[in-house]
Structures are given as structure tokens and as C-alpha cells.
């Protein structure tokens, strides 16, 4: 009888990926909440996740992620009602003492949101890392009739910067003395403060400034309605540049909007009450404008002046808001308008504790702000003197919501 063959033991070495490979290829693709736990695993993971290279790589991946998400900051009363579309509450903070004013103009850049208020306060937050900081008050007594700031990345100094205009003097008879200052996030140190720059050549309109990869852009007041005021991030100086051509003039300037789309300056000119031209600029010494598309709203309400603001661009599709409450996709080729959600009437907000509510307001002005959402790990803790006094309890006002803007639903052509 043949002896059974003995099974030969084979030892297979289990290859454990090196920390560098895990960090660069696996951890970099995890959501921010998971990364917060991963930092507690070991020192090498913590150092890798907090490194500048990791933050930069993850930001690049976040920009490429689909479907597109956008951040909604509703302003108004809370109603517990049923809605059609759900949104996740991702950040909720309050500021003790004077609070946060009703009228705010938030700006977004690489996952950071800067919020300027009429009380001369400027807040910056990162929803992904849960950081929320108040920038120092300006050392000079200033008048800020327009609660707007610019937020962008200065590639020449490798820092995120907040810019704002202020008035040393502002009279109703149009006499003024205007100044401009910058705050560099991440500068650190006990002397972190606003830095004065060259004074702007003109007063600014009550429009949101826009930051591209090259400069801040502001709407100047007359006598220059056909021009924009540009502040170069590299040279730290102001100059005047031309708006896109407008044979019909700029008589409806209050309906015109600016934004940044895929790194380019975008100008929306209201040709008529319900018709808009979208222009994109190549940022040279003189702006080179190209007409991207024209949107004509169908069946508009007679004598109603519509506001149309671009939010993001995705190939041939534009994500826009109409009258600060309706979010739509517009296809440039098919010229079809597809509603994503009416945030005033059909958006239900879902809070972390499971409760849901609707947001409403007695007026449409500044009802809701919509900006692209990019989850990033860009830190803020070195930008201000963070103390225990800055910890804030949750409350109802100023609640950013995360909404996924997928292209679905009926088209309105």
C-alpha cells in the first residue's frame, strides 16, 4: 500500500504595504472624518496626513470628484415641514456676544469659507476639519458699509489670503477715502494682523468681489461703470481692466454678477430682465473676453428682474442659481435648463441628531448663498490665536448645508 504523500508546508510572506504607499494611495482617498481617526493610529500616519504634500494631493482629488456638491448657507426662520429634497447639515456654529449678522457674504476657496458681517467681523471656517476662527479686528477704525471680503490663494507666497476694502471716510454726497487690507491665513505668530496695501482708485459697489488664480476683482463705482478694479496678488497693486463688450451698455449693473469658473473670471451681463450673457476671460495684461453662452429664461414673469449667478461649470453644463433660491443645470449645447432644487420651498435640511426642518424668510434678499463645495484639509489653526474662548455652542443661524447637485429631473427647455 503506497504511503500517502506528505503535504508540503509552504510559507507565504504577507507583504504589508509601506506607510508611504498607504498614505499616498489609500488614506488620501478617505473622507475627512475617517482621516481624523487615522491620525490616532501612529505617529507616521499623523505626520503624513498633516503634511503639506498630503493636503495638496487630497485637494486635487477632491476637485475631480463627481457628482458635484455645493454648499448652501440659508438665512431665515426654521420650519419643521416635509420637503422634497434632503440636505445634510455639515457645520453649525455660533459666535457668542454680538452673534453673526443676518446679512452676510460668504466666499469660498478650496474648502475654506470666509464670512464677512456688518459688525466688521470676518470669520473663516473649514467644514471638513470643523475649524471655525474669527480673524482679528482691524487696528484702524474703519467704516465697512459693504460686508464683503475676497478669499483666494496667493501662489507666489504660498498662502491663502483674505482681502477687504474699507472706508476711512464715507459720506452720502459721494465723498470718501477708501483703503484696502489683506490677512494672510496661516501666517501665525502673535503679530498676525491685517496689512494695509495700496489704496483702491475708486469706491466699490455692493457686489461680491471675486478671486481667481491671479487677482481679486471688484466692481468700482462711477465714473468707471465699463471697467473692473483688479488687485494683483503677485504685485499687490490695483489697476483698471475692461469688462466684456456690451453694446447695450451697463444700465442694469445691479443685475450683473462675477464669479470664478474653473480658474477663470466669469462675468454675467444682464442683457434684459430674463436674458444673460456669460463671458469668460483670459487673464493677460488686458483681459481677453470670450462669450461662453447666453441664457434666456422661458416664460418669465412680466416686469420681474431676475438674478442669475453661476456656481460651477462641468463640461458643457453650468450650475446656476436663479433669484438666490432656485438651483439649475444649464446645458450650453442643448440650451436646456434643468432644475435641481428650489431651496426656498422644496429643500429639507437634515441635522446630525435626525431632526429635519425647512428654511424660509420673509423676503428673498440674501435668502441663501450657494457655492461649490470641496472637501479639503487646509488648516486654519495657525492663522489666528485660537483659545478656549473661541469654542462655540451650536445654534440655529448660519448653518451650511451640503447638497449633491446631480443632473436629474425634468428639463425645462
Protein backbone atom coordinates (compact mmCIF):
# COMPACT_ATOMS: atom_id res chain seq x y z
CA UNK A 1 0.00 0.00 0.00
CA UNK A 2 1.50 3.26 -1.11
CA UNK A 3 2.24 5.73 1.58
CA UNK A 4 0.25 8.96 1.29
CA UNK A 5 2.35 11.86 0.23
CA UNK A 6 3.04 14.37 2.94
CA UNK A 7 1.71 17.78 2.26
CA UNK A 8 4.49 20.23 1.95
CA UNK A 9 4.12 23.36 4.06
CA UNK A 10 4.50 26.48 2.03
CA UNK A 11 5.15 29.68 3.85
CA UNK A 12 3.91 32.76 2.04
CA UNK A 13 5.25 36.06 3.21
CA UNK A 14 2.44 38.53 3.65
CA UNK A 15 3.53 41.76 2.09
CA UNK A 16 2.48 44.72 4.17
CA UNK A 17 2.43 47.94 2.18
CA UNK A 18 4.82 50.58 3.42
CA UNK A 19 3.36 53.53 5.26
CA UNK A 20 4.27 55.86 2.41
CA UNK A 21 2.26 53.77 -0.05
CA UNK A 22 -0.74 53.53 2.28
CA UNK A 23 -0.72 57.26 2.92
CA UNK A 24 -0.21 58.34 -0.69
CA UNK A 25 -2.61 55.88 -2.36
CA UNK A 26 -5.17 54.79 0.24
CA UNK A 27 -5.54 57.28 3.07
CA UNK A 28 -5.55 60.23 0.70
CA UNK A 29 -8.87 58.97 -0.72
CA UNK A 30 -10.68 58.64 2.62
CA UNK A 31 -13.23 61.20 3.87
CA UNK A 32 -12.16 63.77 6.43
CA UNK A 33 -13.97 62.03 9.31
CA UNK A 34 -12.06 58.80 8.68
CA UNK A 35 -8.76 60.64 8.42
CA UNK A 36 -9.33 62.22 11.83
CA UNK A 37 -9.39 58.70 13.31
CA UNK A 38 -6.44 57.53 11.21
CA UNK A 39 -4.25 60.24 12.72
CA UNK A 40 -4.53 58.42 16.05
CA UNK A 41 -3.13 55.13 14.70
CA UNK A 42 0.55 56.03 14.79
CA UNK A 43 2.91 58.95 14.53
CA UNK A 44 3.91 58.26 10.92
CA UNK A 45 0.27 58.32 9.80
CA UNK A 46 -0.38 61.52 11.73
CA UNK A 47 2.66 63.23 10.24
CA UNK A 48 1.77 62.03 6.76
CA UNK A 49 -1.86 63.16 6.93
CA UNK A 50 -0.91 66.61 8.21
CA UNK A 51 1.89 67.15 5.70
CA UNK A 52 1.56 69.87 3.07
CA UNK A 53 2.02 67.35 0.24
CA UNK A 54 -0.86 65.19 1.54
CA UNK A 55 -3.19 68.19 1.92
CA UNK A 56 -2.34 69.38 -1.59
CA UNK A 57 -2.81 65.91 -3.17
CA UNK A 58 -6.14 65.38 -1.44
CA UNK A 59 -7.33 68.80 -2.58
CA UNK A 60 -6.57 67.85 -6.19
CA UNK A 61 -8.58 64.63 -5.84
CA UNK A 62 -11.48 66.46 -4.21
CA UNK A 63 -11.70 68.87 -7.15
CA UNK A 64 -12.05 65.92 -9.54
CA UNK A 65 -14.77 64.19 -7.55
CA UNK A 66 -18.24 63.72 -9.05
CA UNK A 67 -21.13 64.24 -8.61
CA UNK A 68 -20.68 67.89 -7.85
CA UNK A 69 -21.71 69.09 -4.41
CA UNK A 70 -22.46 72.61 -3.34
CA UNK A 71 -22.67 74.39 -0.03
CA UNK A 72 -25.87 76.19 0.97
CA UNK A 73 -25.95 78.79 3.74
CA UNK A 74 -29.62 79.54 4.46
CA UNK A 75 -30.74 82.66 6.26
CA UNK A 76 -34.21 82.73 7.73
CA UNK A 77 -36.73 81.12 10.01
CA UNK A 78 -36.88 77.43 10.85
CA UNK A 79 -40.00 75.43 9.96
CA UNK A 80 -40.35 71.71 10.65
CA UNK A 81 -42.13 70.63 7.48
CA UNK A 82 -41.83 67.96 4.84
CA UNK A 83 -39.58 68.73 1.89
CA UNK A 84 -38.80 67.20 -1.46
CA UNK A 85 -35.00 67.13 -1.39
CA UNK A 86 -32.77 66.35 1.59
CA UNK A 87 -29.57 68.18 2.53
CA UNK A 88 -27.04 67.19 5.18
CA UNK A 89 -26.02 69.68 7.83
CA UNK A 90 -22.22 69.55 7.90
CA UNK A 91 -21.35 72.55 10.02
CA UNK A 92 -23.11 74.56 12.72
CA UNK A 93 -21.51 77.27 14.83
CA UNK A 94 -22.50 80.42 16.68
CA UNK A 95 -20.48 83.41 17.79
CA UNK A 96 -21.06 84.48 21.40
CA UNK A 97 -21.80 88.08 22.27
CA UNK A 98 -22.80 90.09 19.21
CA UNK A 99 -23.62 86.97 17.19
CA UNK A 100 -23.40 86.77 13.40
CA UNK A 101 -25.41 89.34 11.48
CA UNK A 102 -28.28 88.39 9.21
CA UNK A 103 -26.67 89.97 6.16
CA UNK A 104 -23.53 88.08 5.21
CA UNK A 105 -21.50 87.50 2.05
CA UNK A 106 -19.63 84.16 2.26
CA UNK A 107 -16.74 83.44 -0.10
CA UNK A 108 -15.33 80.00 -0.89
CA UNK A 109 -11.87 78.78 -1.88
CA UNK A 110 -10.52 75.22 -1.68
CA UNK A 111 -12.87 74.13 1.09
CA UNK A 112 -12.46 77.32 3.12
CA UNK A 113 -15.38 79.70 3.60
CA UNK A 114 -14.89 83.32 4.67
CA UNK A 115 -17.91 85.11 6.11
CA UNK A 116 -17.93 88.91 6.44
CA UNK A 117 -20.53 90.63 8.60
CA UNK A 118 -21.77 94.18 9.03
CA UNK A 119 -20.19 94.26 12.51
CA UNK A 120 -16.68 94.38 10.94
CA UNK A 121 -16.13 90.74 11.94
CA UNK A 122 -14.65 88.24 9.48
CA UNK A 123 -14.92 84.51 10.16
CA UNK A 124 -13.18 81.69 8.29
CA UNK A 125 -14.14 78.05 8.59
CA UNK A 126 -13.28 74.67 7.12
CA UNK A 127 -16.32 72.40 7.29
CA UNK A 128 -14.30 69.22 6.79
CA UNK A 129 -11.90 69.82 9.69
CA UNK A 130 -14.53 71.57 11.86
CA UNK A 131 -12.31 74.62 12.34
CA UNK A 132 -14.00 78.00 12.81
CA UNK A 133 -11.95 81.09 13.58
CA UNK A 134 -12.51 84.82 13.91
CA UNK A 135 -9.89 86.99 12.28
CA UNK A 136 -8.52 89.85 14.39
CA UNK A 137 -10.31 93.17 14.15
CA UNK A 138 -8.57 95.82 12.09
CA UNK A 139 -6.32 98.08 14.11
CA UNK A 140 -7.61 101.18 12.34
CA UNK A 141 -11.11 102.47 12.97
CA UNK A 142 -12.88 101.86 9.68
CA UNK A 143 -16.30 102.08 8.07
CA UNK A 144 -17.42 98.98 6.20
CA UNK A 145 -20.82 99.75 4.63
CA UNK A 146 -20.49 96.68 2.41
CA UNK A 147 -19.96 93.41 4.28
CA UNK A 148 -17.87 91.70 1.60
CA UNK A 149 -14.43 90.12 1.53
CA UNK A 150 -12.36 88.32 -1.08
CA UNK A 151 -10.78 84.94 -0.39
CA UNK A 152 -8.16 83.28 -2.55
CA UNK A 153 -4.82 81.51 -2.80
CA UNK A 154 -1.66 83.54 -3.34
CA UNK A 155 0.55 81.13 -5.28
CA UNK A 156 3.54 83.48 -5.11
CA UNK A 157 3.55 83.47 -1.29
CA UNK A 158 2.03 80.00 -0.89
CA UNK A 159 -0.72 81.25 1.41
CA UNK A 160 -4.48 81.78 1.48
CA UNK A 161 -5.39 85.45 1.80
CA UNK A 162 -8.49 87.40 2.78
CA UNK A 163 -8.88 90.88 1.31
CA UNK A 164 -11.38 93.62 2.03
CA UNK A 165 -12.00 97.27 1.24
CA UNK A 166 -12.86 99.74 3.98
CA UNK A 167 -13.55 103.46 4.23
CA UNK A 168 -11.73 105.92 6.41
CA UNK A 169 -14.44 108.37 5.39
CA UNK A 170 -17.75 107.73 3.66
CA UNK A 171 -20.42 110.39 3.04
CA UNK A 172 -23.73 110.25 1.21
CA UNK A 173 -22.55 113.04 -1.08
CA UNK A 174 -20.10 110.52 -2.62
CA UNK A 175 -17.01 111.90 -0.87
CA UNK A 176 -14.89 109.09 0.54
CA UNK A 177 -11.44 107.87 1.49
CA UNK A 178 -11.05 104.17 0.73
CA UNK A 179 -8.40 101.69 1.78
CA UNK A 180 -7.64 98.01 1.26
CA UNK A 181 -6.11 95.42 3.57
CA UNK A 182 -5.06 91.76 3.49
CA UNK A 183 -4.88 89.00 6.06
CA UNK A 184 -2.66 86.01 5.31
CA UNK A 185 -4.10 82.79 6.73
CA UNK A 186 -1.50 80.55 8.29
CA UNK A 187 0.92 83.39 8.98
CA UNK A 188 0.87 82.54 12.68
CA UNK A 189 2.63 84.37 15.46
CA UNK A 190 1.35 86.91 17.96
CA UNK A 191 1.65 89.74 15.43
CA UNK A 192 -0.84 88.28 12.93
CA UNK A 193 -2.84 91.23 11.68
CA UNK A 194 -4.40 92.91 8.69
CA UNK A 195 -1.82 94.52 6.40
CA UNK A 196 -2.54 97.72 4.50
CA UNK A 197 -1.94 97.68 0.75
CA UNK A 198 -2.15 100.29 -1.97
CA UNK A 199 -5.42 102.24 -1.78
CA UNK A 200 -8.03 101.35 -4.43
CA UNK A 201 -8.56 104.04 -7.11
CA UNK A 202 -12.36 104.05 -6.64
CA UNK A 203 -15.04 103.18 -4.13
CA UNK A 204 -16.58 99.73 -4.59
CA UNK A 205 -20.12 98.73 -5.42
CA UNK A 206 -22.15 96.48 -3.16
CA UNK A 207 -21.21 93.42 -5.23
CA UNK A 208 -19.27 90.35 -4.23
CA UNK A 209 -15.57 90.52 -5.12
CA UNK A 210 -14.12 87.55 -6.97
CA UNK A 211 -10.71 85.92 -6.69
CA UNK A 212 -9.06 83.97 -9.48
CA UNK A 213 -5.59 82.43 -9.51
CA UNK A 214 -4.17 85.82 -10.41
CA UNK A 215 -6.13 88.59 -8.70
CA UNK A 216 -9.09 89.98 -6.77
CA UNK A 217 -11.74 91.72 -8.87
CA UNK A 218 -14.14 94.40 -7.59
CA UNK A 219 -16.99 96.38 -9.15
CA UNK A 220 -15.93 100.05 -8.93
CA UNK A 221 -18.40 102.88 -8.57
CA UNK A 222 -18.83 105.57 -11.25
CA UNK A 223 -17.15 107.09 -13.18
CA UNK A 224 -15.96 103.68 -14.39
CA UNK A 225 -19.08 101.51 -14.99
CA UNK A 226 -17.48 99.83 -18.02
CA UNK A 227 -14.42 98.68 -16.07
CA UNK A 228 -13.46 96.35 -13.24
CA UNK A 229 -10.98 97.09 -10.50
CA UNK A 230 -8.23 94.46 -10.26
CA UNK A 231 -5.87 93.80 -7.36
CA UNK A 232 -2.87 91.71 -8.42
CA UNK A 233 -1.96 89.05 -5.87
CA UNK A 234 1.59 88.92 -7.20
CA UNK A 235 2.35 92.65 -7.40
CA UNK A 236 -0.07 93.77 -4.65
CA UNK A 237 -1.22 96.77 -6.72
CA UNK A 238 -4.52 97.93 -8.25
CA UNK A 239 -5.30 98.65 -11.88
CA UNK A 240 -8.40 99.02 -14.05
CA UNK A 241 -9.41 96.46 -16.70
CA UNK A 242 -12.25 96.42 -19.20
CA UNK A 243 -15.47 94.48 -18.79
CA UNK A 244 -16.70 92.37 -21.72
CA UNK A 245 -18.19 94.32 -24.63
CA UNK A 246 -21.76 95.48 -24.04
CA UNK A 247 -23.29 97.35 -27.00
CA UNK A 248 -26.42 97.88 -24.92
CA UNK A 249 -24.39 99.50 -22.13
CA UNK A 250 -24.29 98.62 -18.46
CA UNK A 251 -27.60 100.14 -17.45
CA UNK A 252 -28.54 97.04 -15.40
CA UNK A 253 -25.28 96.85 -13.46
CA UNK A 254 -27.12 95.85 -10.28
CA UNK A 255 -28.12 92.61 -12.03
CA UNK A 256 -24.62 91.80 -13.31
CA UNK A 257 -22.59 89.17 -11.47
CA UNK A 258 -19.00 87.94 -11.34
CA UNK A 259 -17.65 84.58 -10.30
CA UNK A 260 -14.74 82.23 -10.82
CA UNK A 261 -15.40 79.21 -13.03
CA UNK A 262 -12.72 76.55 -13.32
CA UNK A 263 -9.98 79.07 -12.56
CA UNK A 264 -11.26 81.74 -14.96
CA UNK A 265 -13.01 85.02 -14.32
CA UNK A 266 -16.66 84.82 -15.39
CA UNK A 267 -18.82 87.90 -15.93
CA UNK A 268 -22.60 87.64 -16.31
CA UNK A 269 -24.19 90.62 -18.04
CA UNK A 270 -27.95 91.07 -17.73
CA UNK A 271 -28.96 91.97 -21.27
CA UNK A 272 -32.64 92.09 -20.35
CA UNK A 273 -34.75 91.23 -17.31
CA UNK A 274 -34.60 87.49 -18.12
CA UNK A 275 -31.65 87.25 -20.55
CA UNK A 276 -28.00 86.89 -19.59
CA UNK A 277 -24.66 86.66 -21.40
CA UNK A 278 -21.86 84.60 -19.85
CA UNK A 279 -18.32 85.80 -20.61
CA UNK A 280 -15.03 84.09 -19.67
CA UNK A 281 -11.71 85.95 -19.51
CA UNK A 282 -8.11 85.00 -20.21
CA UNK A 283 -6.12 86.92 -17.62
CA UNK A 284 -3.44 88.78 -19.50
CA UNK A 285 -2.34 92.38 -19.02
CA UNK A 286 -5.62 93.28 -20.69
CA UNK A 287 -8.46 90.83 -20.15
CA UNK A 288 -9.37 88.83 -23.26
CA UNK A 289 -13.11 88.07 -23.13
CA UNK A 290 -14.88 85.17 -24.87
CA UNK A 291 -18.66 84.77 -24.99
CA UNK A 292 -19.38 81.36 -23.44
CA UNK A 293 -23.16 81.26 -23.81
CA UNK A 294 -26.41 83.17 -23.48
CA UNK A 295 -29.28 82.09 -21.24
CA UNK A 296 -32.83 83.24 -21.99
CA UNK A 297 -35.31 82.20 -19.33
CA UNK A 298 -38.53 80.86 -20.83
CA UNK A 299 -41.92 82.13 -19.73
CA UNK A 300 -40.55 84.79 -17.40
CA UNK A 301 -42.82 86.71 -15.07
CA UNK A 302 -43.62 90.07 -16.71
CA UNK A 303 -41.69 93.03 -15.28
CA UNK A 304 -39.72 90.75 -12.95
CA UNK A 305 -35.97 91.37 -12.88
CA UNK A 306 -34.22 88.05 -12.46
CA UNK A 307 -30.89 87.48 -10.75
CA UNK A 308 -28.77 84.71 -12.24
CA UNK A 309 -25.49 83.65 -10.63
CA UNK A 310 -23.14 80.95 -11.96
CA UNK A 311 -21.92 78.48 -9.34
CA UNK A 312 -19.83 75.90 -11.19
CA UNK A 313 -19.01 74.56 -14.64
CA UNK A 314 -18.82 70.88 -15.63
CA UNK A 315 -18.04 70.39 -19.30
CA UNK A 316 -20.96 71.76 -21.29
CA UNK A 317 -23.09 72.21 -18.18
CA UNK A 318 -23.38 75.27 -15.98
CA UNK A 319 -24.73 75.15 -12.44
CA UNK A 320 -26.56 78.43 -11.76
CA UNK A 321 -28.81 79.95 -9.13
CA UNK A 322 -31.86 81.99 -10.09
CA UNK A 323 -33.13 84.67 -7.70
CA UNK A 324 -31.00 83.25 -4.86
CA UNK A 325 -33.25 80.25 -4.26
CA UNK A 326 -33.55 78.06 -7.36
CA UNK A 327 -30.57 75.89 -8.41
CA UNK A 328 -30.45 74.66 -12.03
CA UNK A 329 -28.21 72.96 -14.56
CA UNK A 330 -27.96 74.68 -17.95
CA UNK A 331 -26.64 72.72 -20.94
CA UNK A 332 -24.82 75.03 -23.33
CA UNK A 333 -25.24 72.76 -26.38
CA UNK A 334 -28.89 71.78 -25.97
CA UNK A 335 -29.83 75.12 -24.34
CA UNK A 336 -31.94 73.22 -21.81
CA UNK A 337 -32.46 74.33 -18.23
CA UNK A 338 -32.88 71.55 -15.67
CA UNK A 339 -33.99 72.39 -12.15
CA UNK A 340 -32.02 70.69 -9.38
CA UNK A 341 -33.91 72.04 -6.40
CA UNK A 342 -35.85 75.05 -5.19
CA UNK A 343 -34.06 75.69 -1.92
CA UNK A 344 -36.73 78.08 -0.71
CA UNK A 345 -39.68 75.73 -0.99
CA UNK A 346 -38.51 72.16 -1.67
CA UNK A 347 -35.32 71.63 0.31
CA UNK A 348 -35.43 69.85 3.64
CA UNK A 349 -32.44 70.14 5.94
CA UNK A 350 -31.35 67.10 7.92
CA UNK A 351 -29.40 67.72 11.12
CA UNK A 352 -26.97 65.28 12.78
CA UNK A 353 -29.49 64.49 15.55
CA UNK A 354 -32.01 63.26 12.97
CA UNK A 355 -34.35 66.27 13.10
CA UNK A 356 -35.40 67.96 9.88
CA UNK A 357 -36.58 71.44 9.05
CA UNK A 358 -37.28 73.86 6.22
CA UNK A 359 -35.74 77.31 5.85
CA UNK A 360 -37.93 80.26 4.93
CA UNK A 361 -37.58 84.03 5.00
CA UNK A 362 -39.99 86.98 4.86
CA UNK A 363 -38.01 88.37 1.92
CA UNK A 364 -35.92 86.92 -0.88
CA UNK A 365 -32.92 89.19 -0.36
CA UNK A 366 -29.88 87.21 0.79
CA UNK A 367 -32.11 84.20 1.38
CA UNK A 368 -29.46 81.63 0.61
CA UNK A 369 -25.87 81.52 -0.60
CA UNK A 370 -24.70 78.67 -2.85
CA UNK A 371 -21.03 77.97 -3.52
CA UNK A 372 -19.17 74.86 -4.79
CA UNK A 373 -18.15 72.52 -2.00
CA UNK A 374 -14.68 70.96 -1.98
CA UNK A 375 -13.69 68.85 0.99
CA UNK A 376 -10.14 69.77 1.95
CA UNK A 377 -7.80 69.57 4.92
CA UNK A 378 -6.38 73.08 4.56
CA UNK A 379 -5.58 74.08 8.17
CA UNK A 380 -6.60 77.29 9.90
CA UNK A 381 -5.17 76.83 13.37
CA UNK A 382 -2.01 78.81 12.63
CA UNK A 383 -3.92 81.74 11.17
CA UNK A 384 -5.40 83.12 14.38
CA UNK A 385 -4.78 82.99 18.08
CA UNK A 386 -7.16 80.13 18.88
CA UNK A 387 -8.18 79.92 22.55
CA UNK A 388 -10.82 78.16 24.58
CA UNK A 389 -12.88 81.34 24.41
CA UNK A 390 -13.35 80.72 20.70
CA UNK A 391 -15.17 77.43 21.22
CA UNK A 392 -18.78 77.97 20.23
CA UNK A 393 -22.03 76.21 21.13
CA UNK A 394 -24.34 75.14 18.33
CA UNK A 395 -27.33 77.29 17.41
CA UNK A 396 -29.80 77.71 14.58
CA UNK A 397 -28.45 80.65 12.48
CA UNK A 398 -25.66 80.36 9.93
CA UNK A 399 -25.88 76.66 9.12
CA UNK A 400 -24.09 75.49 5.97
CA UNK A 401 -25.76 72.54 4.27
CA UNK A 402 -24.20 70.06 1.88
CA UNK A 403 -26.28 69.28 -1.21
CA UNK A 404 -25.36 66.94 -4.05
CA UNK A 405 -26.11 68.56 -7.41
CA UNK A 406 -26.66 65.56 -9.65
CA UNK A 407 -28.14 66.10 -13.09
CA UNK A 408 -31.55 64.55 -12.79
CA UNK A 409 -35.18 65.55 -13.04
CA UNK A 410 -37.21 67.11 -15.81
CA UNK A 411 -35.59 69.52 -18.20
CA UNK A 412 -37.08 72.92 -18.86
CA UNK A 413 -36.26 73.74 -22.48
